Amino acid sequence: MISLENEFLKVAIDSKGAQLTSLFNKETGVEQLWQADPNVWAYHAPNLFPIVGGLLDNELHVDGRAYSMNRHGFARQSDFILLDSDDVHAGFSLPYCEKTLAVYPFKFDFQVLYTLIDNALRVTYKLINRDDKPVYFSVGGHPAFNVPFNAGETFEDYYLEFEVQEKLASHLLNKDGLFSGETQPVSTQNKKLYLTRDLFAQDALVFKNLQSRMVTIGSDKHDQTLSVEFPHFNYLGIWAKPGADFVCIEPWLGCADSAGEPKDIRQKENIQKVVVGHVFEASYYISI
């Protein structure tokens, strides 16, 4: 376990999945990150790669061949290599190997980099093309934040505030976690989406056309907040397991398949591409 710390935050990161496991607010004494109760949801903040969401029949199609892959890809269950670390920075690497090539036929180095910058944690995804052809992939974050922040409060005391006024429409998922092609309006009040226990009864809320590039967790009962800023990500998932005391704010570059016929990875919605000799980078920020 690697620890980073400055005057505002203390964080911990596990090399398994390069997963953030603690985000401790030193000013308030509050652990902001969900602590992965295995009886509820056993992750803290998984990193999603090389896919985001579910695949039709759990199969990734590349050049006419189908490869078995579970929802959100293999990075979250892989052992990463520590590249470097100091008091406020740590970098982790997942390079391609025979095991990855068996399920994902691309040569890559996928890196997750964490850096404390004042009251914010920057999370950077870096994909280095090690192949002699373009590498196609999706990537995303899935951090879960404790809600409520403090004892004596309830989940319903909190809201998600969008950066600008949005006309929200969630793209609906079917029982298999695939897009059904339907959308459903989501109502807000003055940029705020108030949390309720039934908000995620039909799975995650998935937004594909947001103007906002920041979402803030807040409460009308106090001024403590936590914000996720995602300047490089054009899709956003918001999810909580029904009845659980957390909410996930998930910046995505990629998404689940739609119900129907399978598509080659090159035709997947919101797919990313890194050509030979190039490097991809995208960051999001968690601030208190």
Protein backbone atom coordinates (compact mmCIF):
# COMPACT_ATOMS: atom_id res chain seq x y z
CA MET A 1 0.00 0.00 0.00
CA ILE A 2 1.33 3.42 -1.00
CA SER A 3 0.48 6.55 1.01
CA LEU A 4 0.52 10.17 -0.14
CA GLU A 5 -0.02 13.16 2.11
CA ASN A 6 -0.02 16.94 2.17
CA GLU A 7 -1.60 19.51 4.48
CA PHE A 8 -5.10 18.86 3.12
CA LEU A 9 -5.36 15.18 2.23
CA LYS A 10 -3.96 11.78 3.07
CA VAL A 11 -4.56 9.03 0.51
CA ALA A 12 -3.74 5.35 0.13
CA ILE A 13 -3.40 3.35 -3.08
CA ASP A 14 -3.25 -0.42 -3.54
CA SER A 15 -1.12 -1.89 -6.33
CA LYS A 16 -3.97 -4.36 -6.99
CA GLY A 17 -5.87 -2.50 -9.67
CA ALA A 18 -3.85 0.65 -8.85
CA GLN A 19 -6.94 1.40 -6.78
CA LEU A 20 -7.40 4.38 -4.51
CA THR A 21 -8.44 2.94 -1.13
CA SER A 22 -8.54 5.99 1.15
CA LEU A 23 -9.15 9.70 0.70
CA PHE A 24 -8.90 11.24 4.17
CA ASN A 25 -9.88 14.87 4.66
CA LYS A 26 -7.41 16.16 7.27
CA GLU A 27 -9.35 19.37 7.95
CA THR A 28 -12.65 17.67 8.85
CA GLY A 29 -11.29 14.26 9.94
CA VAL A 30 -13.64 12.57 7.45
CA GLU A 31 -12.84 9.51 5.33
CA GLN A 32 -14.37 10.55 2.02
CA LEU A 33 -13.92 7.26 0.15
CA TRP A 34 -16.19 4.23 0.47
CA GLN A 35 -14.40 1.51 2.43
CA ALA A 36 -15.40 -1.45 0.25
CA ASP A 37 -17.73 -3.42 2.51
CA PRO A 38 -17.68 -6.85 0.82
CA ASN A 39 -21.30 -7.44 1.84
CA VAL A 40 -22.38 -4.38 -0.13
CA TRP A 41 -19.83 -3.50 -2.85
CA ALA A 42 -16.25 -4.70 -2.53
CA TYR A 43 -14.46 -1.91 -4.43
CA HIS A 44 -13.34 1.59 -3.46
CA ALA A 45 -12.48 3.27 -6.78
CA PRO A 46 -11.74 0.77 -9.54
CA ASN A 47 -9.99 1.84 -12.73
CA LEU A 48 -11.85 0.69 -15.84
CA PHE A 49 -9.74 -0.57 -18.76
CA PRO A 50 -9.72 -1.67 -21.59
CA ILE A 51 -13.52 -1.42 -21.62
CA VAL A 52 -16.11 0.57 -19.72
CA GLY A 53 -19.41 -1.09 -18.89
CA GLY A 54 -20.69 -4.40 -20.18
CA LEU A 55 -20.20 -6.22 -23.48
CA LEU A 56 -22.83 -8.10 -25.44
CA ASP A 57 -22.48 -11.74 -24.32
CA ASN A 58 -19.35 -10.65 -22.38
CA GLU A 59 -17.40 -10.77 -25.64
CA LEU A 60 -15.01 -8.22 -27.12
CA HIS A 61 -14.87 -8.44 -30.92
CA VAL A 62 -11.60 -7.63 -32.66
CA ASP A 63 -10.93 -8.41 -36.34
CA GLY A 64 -13.61 -11.08 -36.52
CA ARG A 65 -12.57 -12.86 -33.33
CA ALA A 66 -14.43 -12.85 -30.00
CA TYR A 67 -12.55 -12.53 -26.71
CA SER A 68 -14.17 -13.21 -23.35
CA MET A 69 -14.16 -10.17 -21.06
CA ASN A 70 -16.21 -9.21 -18.02
CA ARG A 71 -17.78 -5.84 -17.31
CA HIS A 72 -15.33 -2.93 -16.94
CA GLY A 73 -12.33 -4.94 -18.14
CA PHE A 74 -9.39 -6.60 -16.41
CA ALA A 75 -7.37 -3.67 -14.98
CA ARG A 76 -9.31 -3.51 -11.71
CA GLN A 77 -8.30 -7.12 -10.91
CA SER A 78 -4.71 -6.90 -12.18
CA ASP A 79 -1.48 -6.39 -10.24
CA PHE A 80 0.20 -3.14 -11.25
CA ILE A 81 3.91 -2.32 -11.01
CA LEU A 82 4.92 0.70 -8.94
CA LEU A 83 6.79 3.06 -11.27
CA ASP A 84 7.75 5.79 -8.82
CA SER A 85 6.52 7.51 -5.68
CA ASP A 86 7.26 10.35 -3.29
CA ASP A 87 5.24 12.20 -0.65
CA VAL A 88 2.67 13.55 -3.10
CA HIS A 89 2.91 11.39 -6.22
CA ALA A 90 2.74 7.72 -7.22
CA GLY A 91 2.67 6.09 -10.63
CA PHE A 92 1.55 2.54 -11.47
CA SER A 93 1.95 0.51 -14.66
CA LEU A 94 0.12 -2.43 -16.20
CA PRO A 95 2.10 -3.58 -19.26
CA TYR A 96 0.80 -6.08 -21.77
CA CYS A 97 1.76 -9.72 -21.26
CA GLU A 98 0.72 -13.15 -22.53
CA LYS A 99 -2.26 -13.13 -20.16
CA THR A 100 -3.60 -9.80 -21.48
CA LEU A 101 -2.91 -10.69 -25.12
CA ALA A 102 -5.09 -13.78 -24.70
CA VAL A 103 -8.15 -11.60 -24.05
CA TYR A 104 -7.18 -8.25 -25.59
CA PRO A 105 -4.92 -8.47 -28.68
CA PHE A 106 -3.06 -5.18 -28.30
CA LYS A 107 0.38 -4.32 -26.91
CA PHE A 108 0.21 -1.45 -24.45
CA ASP A 109 1.42 0.07 -21.22
CA PHE A 110 -1.54 1.31 -19.17
CA GLN A 111 -0.53 3.67 -16.38
CA VAL A 112 -2.45 5.24 -13.50
CA LEU A 113 -0.78 8.28 -11.94
CA TYR A 114 -1.84 9.96 -8.68
CA THR A 115 -0.70 13.45 -7.66
CA LEU A 116 -1.76 15.61 -4.72
CA ILE A 117 -2.09 19.29 -5.70
CA ASP A 118 -3.16 21.39 -2.69
CA ASN A 119 -6.72 20.28 -1.80
CA ALA A 120 -7.11 18.06 -4.88
CA LEU A 121 -6.03 14.62 -6.02
CA ARG A 122 -5.30 14.36 -9.73
CA VAL A 123 -5.87 10.93 -11.29
CA THR A 124 -4.26 10.53 -14.71
CA TYR A 125 -4.73 7.67 -17.14
CA LYS A 126 -1.88 7.16 -19.59
CA LEU A 127 -1.86 4.66 -22.45
CA ILE A 128 1.37 4.07 -24.34
CA ASN A 129 1.06 2.23 -27.65
CA ARG A 130 3.69 -0.57 -27.69
CA ASP A 131 2.21 -2.18 -30.80
CA ASP A 132 2.84 -1.89 -34.54
CA LYS A 133 -0.84 -0.99 -35.11
CA PRO A 134 -3.35 1.39 -33.50
CA VAL A 135 -4.56 0.43 -30.02
CA TYR A 136 -8.32 0.76 -29.38
CA PHE A 137 -9.62 1.01 -25.83
CA SER A 138 -11.99 2.61 -23.34
CA VAL A 139 -11.03 3.97 -19.94
CA GLY A 140 -12.82 5.41 -16.95
CA GLY A 141 -12.89 6.08 -13.23
CA HIS A 142 -15.36 4.63 -10.74
CA PRO A 143 -14.64 6.31 -7.36
CA ALA A 144 -17.24 5.77 -4.63
CA PHE A 145 -17.64 8.49 -2.01
CA ASN A 146 -19.12 8.08 1.44
CA VAL A 147 -22.54 9.72 1.72
CA PRO A 148 -23.39 10.96 4.27
CA PHE A 149 -20.09 12.54 5.29
CA ASN A 150 -20.90 12.75 9.00
CA ALA A 151 -22.63 10.73 11.71
CA GLY A 152 -26.22 11.67 12.38
CA GLU A 153 -26.94 12.57 8.75
CA THR A 154 -28.83 10.69 6.06
CA PHE A 155 -28.23 9.91 2.38
CA GLU A 156 -31.21 12.08 1.50
CA ASP A 157 -29.57 15.14 3.10
CA TYR A 158 -27.21 15.31 0.10
CA TYR A 159 -27.31 16.42 -3.52
CA LEU A 160 -25.12 16.42 -6.62
CA GLU A 161 -24.64 19.90 -8.03
CA PHE A 162 -23.72 20.27 -11.70
CA GLU A 163 -21.40 22.99 -12.93
CA VAL A 164 -24.08 24.51 -15.17
CA GLN A 165 -27.84 24.12 -15.48
CA GLU A 166 -28.47 20.87 -17.35
CA LYS A 167 -31.47 19.29 -19.04
CA LEU A 168 -30.56 15.80 -17.87
CA ALA A 169 -31.53 12.64 -19.74
CA SER A 170 -30.17 9.30 -18.60
CA HIS A 171 -29.47 6.60 -21.20
CA LEU A 172 -31.16 3.50 -19.84
CA LEU A 173 -29.51 0.12 -19.33
CA ASN A 174 -31.35 -3.20 -19.59
CA LYS A 175 -31.08 -6.07 -17.11
CA ASP A 176 -27.84 -7.20 -18.79
CA GLY A 177 -26.20 -3.79 -18.37
CA LEU A 178 -26.51 -2.89 -22.07
CA PHE A 179 -28.04 0.28 -23.47
CA SER A 180 -31.67 -0.26 -24.44
CA GLY A 181 -31.85 2.75 -26.76
CA GLU A 182 -34.25 4.54 -24.42
CA THR A 183 -33.67 7.66 -22.35
CA GLN A 184 -35.36 9.02 -19.26
CA PRO A 185 -35.43 12.63 -18.03
CA VAL A 186 -33.83 13.31 -14.63
CA SER A 187 -35.14 16.35 -12.79
CA THR A 188 -32.93 18.88 -11.00
CA GLN A 189 -33.53 21.92 -8.84
CA ASN A 190 -31.23 24.88 -9.53
CA LYS A 191 -28.45 22.64 -10.89
CA LYS A 192 -28.90 20.20 -7.98
CA LEU A 193 -29.86 16.53 -8.25
CA TYR A 194 -31.09 15.51 -4.81
CA LEU A 195 -30.14 11.99 -3.73
CA THR A 196 -32.89 9.52 -2.93
CA ARG A 197 -32.81 5.82 -2.15
CA ASP A 198 -34.69 4.95 -5.35
CA LEU A 199 -32.64 7.15 -7.70
CA PHE A 200 -30.58 4.17 -8.89
CA ALA A 201 -33.32 1.55 -8.85
CA GLN A 202 -32.81 1.01 -12.61
CA ASP A 203 -28.99 0.89 -12.41
CA ALA A 204 -26.62 3.78 -13.10
CA LEU A 205 -27.59 7.15 -14.48
CA VAL A 206 -25.57 7.61 -17.68
CA PHE A 207 -25.19 11.05 -19.22
CA LYS A 208 -23.70 11.45 -22.71
CA ASN A 209 -24.42 15.10 -23.47
CA LEU A 210 -23.38 17.06 -20.40
CA GLN A 211 -22.13 20.62 -20.65
CA SER A 212 -20.81 20.42 -17.09
CA ARG A 213 -17.30 19.17 -16.46
CA MET A 214 -17.61 19.20 -12.68
CA VAL A 215 -20.06 17.64 -10.22
CA THR A 216 -20.07 18.48 -6.51
CA ILE A 217 -21.46 16.45 -3.61
CA GLY A 218 -22.99 18.78 -1.05
CA SER A 219 -25.69 19.19 1.58
CA ASP A 220 -28.07 21.95 2.54
CA LYS A 221 -27.20 21.23 6.20
CA HIS A 222 -23.51 22.26 6.10
CA ASP A 223 -20.81 23.63 3.80
CA GLN A 224 -18.64 20.51 3.42
CA THR A 225 -18.28 19.50 -0.23
CA LEU A 226 -16.40 17.14 -2.50
CA SER A 227 -16.04 17.81 -6.21
CA VAL A 228 -15.07 15.66 -9.18
CA GLU A 229 -13.78 17.62 -12.17
CA PHE A 230 -13.42 15.74 -15.46
CA PRO A 231 -12.25 18.11 -18.22
CA HIS A 232 -11.11 15.30 -20.56
CA PHE A 233 -14.11 12.96 -20.22
CA ASN A 234 -17.30 13.36 -22.25
CA TYR A 235 -19.50 10.70 -20.62
CA LEU A 236 -20.46 10.46 -16.96
CA GLY A 237 -21.95 7.65 -14.91
CA ILE A 238 -23.51 8.17 -11.48
CA TRP A 239 -24.37 5.13 -9.41
CA ALA A 240 -24.99 3.78 -5.94
CA LYS A 241 -26.00 0.31 -4.95
CA PRO A 242 -29.57 0.66 -3.65
CA GLY A 243 -29.50 1.09 0.13
CA ALA A 244 -25.74 1.69 0.34
CA ASP A 245 -24.20 4.81 1.86
CA PHE A 246 -22.08 5.90 -1.08
CA VAL A 247 -22.37 7.50 -4.48
CA CYS A 248 -20.05 6.94 -7.45
CA ILE A 249 -19.17 9.76 -9.82
CA GLU A 250 -17.64 8.06 -12.87
CA PRO A 251 -15.86 9.94 -15.67
CA TRP A 252 -15.82 7.76 -18.79
CA LEU A 253 -14.20 7.68 -22.21
CA GLY A 254 -16.22 4.73 -23.46
CA CYS A 255 -19.39 2.97 -22.40
CA ALA A 256 -21.34 -0.28 -22.45
CA ASP A 257 -22.52 -1.98 -25.61
CA SER A 258 -26.05 -1.50 -26.87
CA ALA A 259 -28.44 -4.41 -27.08
CA GLY A 260 -28.51 -6.03 -30.52
CA GLU A 261 -25.68 -7.14 -32.79
CA PRO A 262 -22.05 -7.15 -31.63
CA LYS A 263 -19.66 -4.54 -33.06
CA ASP A 264 -15.94 -4.66 -33.68
CA ILE A 265 -13.97 -2.69 -31.11
CA ARG A 266 -13.29 -0.03 -33.75
CA GLN A 267 -17.02 0.67 -34.03
CA LYS A 268 -17.75 0.72 -30.30
CA GLU A 269 -19.38 3.89 -29.05
CA ASN A 270 -16.93 6.52 -27.75
CA ILE A 271 -13.93 4.24 -28.40
CA GLN A 272 -10.45 5.74 -28.00
CA LYS A 273 -7.56 5.22 -30.39
CA VAL A 274 -3.80 5.63 -29.99
CA VAL A 275 -1.78 5.32 -33.18
CA VAL A 276 1.69 3.78 -33.41
CA GLY A 277 4.31 5.70 -31.44
CA HIS A 278 1.77 7.89 -29.64
CA VAL A 279 0.65 8.30 -26.03
CA PHE A 280 -2.84 9.02 -24.64
CA GLU A 281 -3.40 10.99 -21.42
CA ALA A 282 -6.53 12.10 -19.60
CA SER A 283 -7.01 13.30 -16.03
CA TYR A 284 -9.78 13.88 -13.55
CA TYR A 285 -9.59 15.64 -10.17
CA ILE A 286 -11.13 15.00 -6.77
CA SER A 287 -11.13 18.08 -4.55
CA ILE A 288 -12.39 18.95 -1.08
